Amino acid sequence: MAKAEFILSAVEQGVATITLNRPDVLNSFNRRMAEELLEALAVAGRDADIRAVMLSGAGRGFCAGQDLSEATAGVRNSMDLGEIVKTRYVPIVRAIREMEKPVVCAVNGVAAGAGANLALTCDLVVAAEDASFIQSFSKLGLVPDTGGTFFLPRLVGSARATALMMLGDKLSATKALEWGMIYQVVPPTVLVESAMSIARHLATMPTRGLALIKRALNASMGNDLNAQLDVEAEAQGQAGRTEDFAEGVKAFLEKRKPVYTGR
């Protein structure tokens, strides 16, 4: 792929920072930005030196969802919105959930539509105090996508998810935290620093163990208790064979801080 136009990427201290970069339109998605985000996620997933990812948005908002001017090109029904979801957002959701590394999302300003659900796809969400989440689809006669109908009810419960999706009301970061939708709320001035601090810490932890936790959590979404108990036993078996587990035990016995390599 040619040099990215709408995504900024950098790697530091084992953390890949990926920034949505269309600030003039609140980082709304066009085809090119979706493709570039998917490529950046693929690179982060492949690179063994990257052990955590931090996703954010440039400017005064995280992401306003799909760029409707591109999707419709000014002509009603000019594009198949279902095809846009299948080819752009579905692969991004899968890339984040299947990446066996933690993904931290920093939400500034508005996270609307696909942008709100993109944030909820991530493992940990840190939001600025002035951030907001909006399931804006219903106001256009559309259906929540980007995993929204899957993740949101599991995070806040069916009643609240139904109300958010049907009414399309704005939910403040503080209320999102209270409802268990996100992990942390911080002042806007320290948002990126706070999210990066978490990502850097995760990058020093046992990466394979974190990957197995993420794999088990993914499996739990569709398993009954007996199936999930089997998943846990299998994952624990794999974790117990990692170099990081051996290092953790050795450090405990030697009464020192462990140094994990992610293997």
Protein backbone atom coordinates (compact mmCIF):
# COMPACT_ATOMS: atom_id res chain seq x y z
CA MET A 1 0.00 0.00 0.00
CA ALA A 2 1.14 3.58 -0.70
CA LYS A 3 2.12 5.86 2.17
CA ALA A 4 -0.80 6.39 4.53
CA GLU A 5 -2.77 9.57 3.99
CA PHE A 6 -5.33 9.41 6.79
CA ILE A 7 -3.62 7.26 9.44
CA LEU A 8 -0.60 8.19 11.54
CA SER A 9 1.50 5.34 12.94
CA ALA A 10 4.52 5.19 15.22
CA VAL A 11 6.22 2.64 17.47
CA GLU A 12 7.85 3.42 20.80
CA GLN A 13 8.68 1.27 23.82
CA GLY A 14 6.83 -1.70 22.39
CA VAL A 15 3.65 0.30 21.74
CA ALA A 16 2.23 1.01 18.29
CA THR A 17 0.27 4.26 18.27
CA ILE A 18 -2.34 4.45 15.51
CA THR A 19 -4.10 7.78 15.01
CA LEU A 20 -7.14 8.43 12.83
CA ASN A 21 -6.16 11.57 10.94
CA ARG A 22 -9.03 13.33 9.17
CA PRO A 23 -9.55 15.99 11.84
CA ASP A 24 -11.38 18.40 9.53
CA VAL A 25 -14.30 15.91 9.37
CA LEU A 26 -13.97 14.57 12.94
CA ASN A 27 -12.04 11.57 11.60
CA SER A 28 -15.07 10.15 9.80
CA PHE A 29 -14.23 7.11 7.70
CA ASN A 30 -13.79 7.11 3.99
CA ARG A 31 -12.65 4.07 2.04
CA ARG A 32 -8.98 5.04 2.11
CA MET A 33 -8.86 5.62 5.87
CA ALA A 34 -10.54 2.26 6.53
CA GLU A 35 -8.00 0.50 4.33
CA GLU A 36 -5.11 2.30 6.00
CA LEU A 37 -6.37 1.49 9.50
CA LEU A 38 -6.72 -2.18 8.58
CA GLU A 39 -3.16 -2.21 7.23
CA ALA A 40 -1.79 -0.49 10.35
CA LEU A 41 -3.53 -3.07 12.55
CA ALA A 42 -2.12 -5.89 10.42
CA VAL A 43 1.41 -4.51 10.77
CA ALA A 44 1.00 -4.17 14.55
CA GLY A 45 -0.28 -7.72 14.76
CA ARG A 46 2.64 -9.16 12.79
CA ASP A 47 5.51 -7.27 14.45
CA ALA A 48 6.83 -9.25 17.41
CA ASP A 49 8.46 -6.10 18.82
CA ILE A 50 5.01 -4.51 19.19
CA ARG A 51 3.35 -5.76 22.36
CA ALA A 52 0.45 -3.30 22.72
CA VAL A 53 -1.50 -0.85 20.55
CA MET A 54 -2.93 2.58 21.35
CA LEU A 55 -5.68 3.89 19.04
CA SER A 56 -6.71 7.56 19.06
CA GLY A 57 -8.14 10.32 16.90
CA ALA A 58 -6.51 13.57 15.84
CA GLY A 59 -8.11 16.94 16.54
CA ARG A 60 -11.25 17.65 18.54
CA GLY A 61 -13.03 14.30 18.13
CA PHE A 62 -12.26 10.59 18.09
CA CYS A 63 -14.39 9.51 15.14
CA ALA A 64 -17.77 10.60 13.77
CA GLY A 65 -18.35 7.28 11.98
CA GLN A 66 -18.88 6.84 8.26
CA ASP A 67 -18.34 9.80 5.96
CA LEU A 68 -21.84 9.97 4.53
CA SER A 69 -20.84 12.31 1.74
CA GLU A 70 -18.67 9.53 0.34
CA ALA A 71 -21.16 6.75 1.08
CA THR A 72 -23.98 8.42 -0.82
CA ALA A 73 -22.05 10.71 -3.16
CA GLY A 74 -25.05 13.02 -2.99
CA VAL A 75 -27.33 10.45 -4.60
CA ARG A 76 -29.85 8.44 -2.62
CA ASN A 77 -29.08 4.70 -2.56
CA SER A 78 -26.02 5.26 -4.73
CA MET A 79 -23.98 2.78 -2.66
CA ASP A 80 -24.78 -0.45 -0.87
CA LEU A 81 -24.24 0.39 2.82
CA GLY A 82 -24.22 -3.29 3.70
CA GLU A 83 -21.31 -3.81 1.35
CA ILE A 84 -19.45 -0.91 2.98
CA VAL A 85 -19.95 -2.55 6.38
CA LYS A 86 -18.78 -5.96 5.10
CA THR A 87 -15.68 -4.68 3.31
CA ARG A 88 -14.55 -1.93 5.72
CA TYR A 89 -15.82 -2.27 9.27
CA VAL A 90 -16.15 -6.04 9.66
CA PRO A 91 -12.46 -6.63 8.84
CA ILE A 92 -11.40 -3.87 11.27
CA VAL A 93 -13.46 -5.33 14.13
CA ARG A 94 -12.05 -8.79 13.45
CA ALA A 95 -8.50 -7.46 13.26
CA ILE A 96 -8.78 -5.82 16.69
CA ARG A 97 -10.50 -8.75 18.40
CA GLU A 98 -8.24 -11.38 16.82
CA MET A 99 -5.01 -9.45 17.44
CA GLU A 100 -3.33 -11.30 20.28
CA LYS A 101 -2.11 -8.07 21.82
CA PRO A 102 -3.99 -5.57 23.98
CA VAL A 103 -5.53 -2.56 22.22
CA VAL A 104 -6.12 0.60 24.27
CA CYS A 105 -8.43 3.27 22.84
CA ALA A 106 -8.20 6.96 23.77
CA VAL A 107 -11.48 8.76 23.07
CA ASN A 108 -11.47 12.55 22.80
CA GLY A 109 -14.55 14.56 21.91
CA VAL A 110 -17.25 12.74 19.98
CA ALA A 111 -17.34 9.03 19.19
CA ALA A 112 -20.42 8.55 17.03
CA GLY A 113 -21.86 5.72 14.96
CA ALA A 114 -19.16 3.37 13.75
CA GLY A 115 -16.68 5.52 15.70
CA ALA A 116 -18.40 4.75 19.00
CA ASN A 117 -18.49 1.04 18.26
CA LEU A 118 -14.90 1.02 17.04
CA ALA A 119 -13.90 2.23 20.50
CA LEU A 120 -15.97 -0.48 22.19
CA THR A 121 -14.24 -3.13 20.08
CA CYS A 122 -10.96 -2.33 21.84
CA ASP A 123 -9.80 -4.03 25.03
CA LEU A 124 -9.58 -0.94 27.24
CA VAL A 125 -11.23 2.43 26.59
CA VAL A 126 -9.97 5.63 28.24
CA ALA A 127 -12.10 8.71 27.56
CA ALA A 128 -11.64 12.41 28.17
CA GLU A 129 -14.10 14.04 30.56
CA ASP A 130 -15.65 15.96 27.67
CA ALA A 131 -15.97 12.90 25.40
CA SER A 132 -19.33 11.47 24.38
CA PHE A 133 -20.67 8.33 22.74
CA ILE A 134 -23.59 8.40 20.32
CA GLN A 135 -25.35 5.51 18.59
CA SER A 136 -26.44 7.90 15.85
CA PHE A 137 -27.66 5.28 13.36
CA SER A 138 -31.38 5.40 14.22
CA LYS A 139 -31.60 9.10 13.42
CA LEU A 140 -30.78 8.20 9.81
CA GLY A 141 -32.96 5.10 9.68
CA LEU A 142 -29.92 2.84 9.94
CA VAL A 143 -28.82 -0.07 12.13
CA PRO A 144 -25.80 -0.04 14.49
CA ASP A 145 -22.82 -1.80 12.95
CA THR A 146 -19.09 -2.26 13.67
CA GLY A 147 -20.01 -4.80 16.35
CA GLY A 148 -22.29 -2.42 18.24
CA THR A 149 -25.24 -4.79 18.57
CA PHE A 150 -22.84 -7.42 19.91
CA PHE A 151 -20.66 -5.49 22.35
CA LEU A 152 -22.96 -2.79 23.71
CA PRO A 153 -25.63 -5.07 25.27
CA ARG A 154 -22.87 -7.12 26.88
CA LEU A 155 -21.31 -4.00 28.36
CA VAL A 156 -24.34 -2.06 29.60
CA GLY A 157 -27.22 -4.56 29.49
CA SER A 158 -30.07 -5.03 27.05
CA ALA A 159 -32.35 -2.25 28.33
CA ARG A 160 -29.71 0.48 28.21
CA ALA A 161 -28.30 -0.73 24.89
CA THR A 162 -31.77 -0.74 23.32
CA ALA A 163 -32.44 2.80 24.53
CA LEU A 164 -29.08 4.10 23.32
CA MET A 165 -29.56 2.53 19.89
CA MET A 166 -33.22 3.43 19.35
CA LEU A 167 -33.20 6.92 20.85
CA GLY A 168 -29.73 7.88 19.62
CA ASP A 169 -29.08 10.00 22.71
CA LYS A 170 -25.64 11.33 23.53
CA LEU A 171 -23.98 9.48 26.43
CA SER A 172 -21.36 11.40 28.41
CA ALA A 173 -18.03 9.79 29.25
CA THR A 174 -18.90 9.98 32.94
CA LYS A 175 -22.17 8.10 32.41
CA ALA A 176 -20.42 5.58 30.14
CA LEU A 177 -17.98 4.89 32.97
CA GLU A 178 -20.81 4.59 35.50
CA TRP A 179 -22.59 2.08 33.23
CA GLY A 180 -19.45 -0.05 32.78
CA MET A 181 -19.11 0.77 29.10
CA ILE A 182 -15.55 2.09 29.35
CA TYR A 183 -12.59 1.65 31.68
CA GLN A 184 -11.50 5.13 32.72
CA VAL A 185 -12.28 8.86 32.42
CA VAL A 186 -9.53 11.46 32.69
CA PRO A 187 -9.11 15.21 32.09
CA PRO A 188 -8.70 16.03 28.38
CA THR A 189 -5.21 17.42 28.95
CA VAL A 190 -3.87 14.04 30.08
CA LEU A 191 -5.92 11.71 27.85
CA VAL A 192 -3.17 10.60 25.49
CA GLU A 193 -0.61 10.43 28.28
CA SER A 194 -2.95 8.28 30.41
CA ALA A 195 -3.82 5.89 27.59
CA MET A 196 -0.15 5.61 26.58
CA SER A 197 0.85 4.89 30.16
CA ILE A 198 -1.55 1.95 30.23
CA ALA A 199 -0.34 0.72 26.83
CA ARG A 200 3.31 0.99 27.87
CA HIS A 201 2.60 -0.97 31.03
CA LEU A 202 0.79 -3.67 29.05
CA ALA A 203 3.78 -3.83 26.70
CA THR A 204 5.98 -4.89 29.64
CA MET A 205 3.63 -7.66 30.75
CA PRO A 206 3.53 -11.32 29.61
CA THR A 207 2.21 -10.81 26.08
CA ARG A 208 1.29 -14.44 25.47
CA GLY A 209 -0.63 -14.53 28.73
CA LEU A 210 -2.52 -11.37 27.77
CA ALA A 211 -3.26 -12.87 24.35
CA LEU A 212 -4.70 -15.97 25.99
CA ILE A 213 -6.85 -13.83 28.29
CA LYS A 214 -8.18 -12.00 25.23
CA ARG A 215 -8.79 -15.29 23.42
CA ALA A 216 -10.69 -16.67 26.42
CA LEU A 217 -12.80 -13.50 26.72
CA ASN A 218 -13.67 -13.70 23.03
CA ALA A 219 -14.72 -17.33 23.45
CA SER A 220 -16.83 -16.50 26.51
CA MET A 221 -19.15 -14.37 24.38
CA GLY A 222 -20.72 -17.50 22.88
CA ASN A 223 -19.89 -20.33 25.28
CA ASP A 224 -21.85 -21.98 28.02
CA LEU A 225 -20.11 -22.66 31.35
CA ASN A 226 -18.82 -26.12 30.49
CA ALA A 227 -17.37 -25.00 27.18
CA GLN A 228 -15.73 -22.01 28.82
CA LEU A 229 -14.19 -24.14 31.56
CA ASP A 230 -12.53 -26.16 28.79
CA VAL A 231 -11.28 -22.96 27.16
CA GLU A 232 -9.76 -21.84 30.46
CA ALA A 233 -8.00 -25.19 31.00
CA GLU A 234 -6.56 -25.15 27.48
CA ALA A 235 -5.42 -21.55 27.80
CA GLN A 236 -3.83 -22.18 31.18
CA GLY A 237 -1.94 -25.12 29.74
CA GLN A 238 -0.51 -22.91 27.01
CA ALA A 239 0.30 -20.09 29.43
CA GLY A 240 2.16 -22.48 31.71
CA ARG A 241 4.49 -23.40 28.84
CA THR A 242 5.57 -19.81 28.08
CA GLU A 243 8.97 -18.33 28.87
CA ASP A 244 7.25 -15.48 30.67
CA PHE A 245 5.58 -17.86 33.14
CA ALA A 246 8.96 -19.40 33.90
CA GLU A 247 10.42 -15.92 34.38
CA GLY A 248 7.54 -14.89 36.64
CA VAL A 249 8.03 -17.87 38.91
CA LYS A 250 11.81 -17.42 38.95
CA ALA A 251 11.47 -13.71 39.80
CA PHE A 252 8.99 -14.52 42.59
CA LEU A 253 11.34 -17.03 44.16
CA GLU A 254 14.28 -14.64 43.82
CA LYS A 255 12.22 -11.77 45.24
CA ARG A 256 12.86 -9.47 42.27
CA LYS A 257 10.83 -7.73 39.61
CA PRO A 258 10.24 -9.99 36.58
CA VAL A 259 11.44 -9.01 33.12
CA TYR A 260 8.99 -10.31 30.55
CA THR A 261 9.89 -10.71 26.88
CA GLY A 262 6.47 -11.55 25.48
CA ARG A 263 7.40 -15.15 24.72
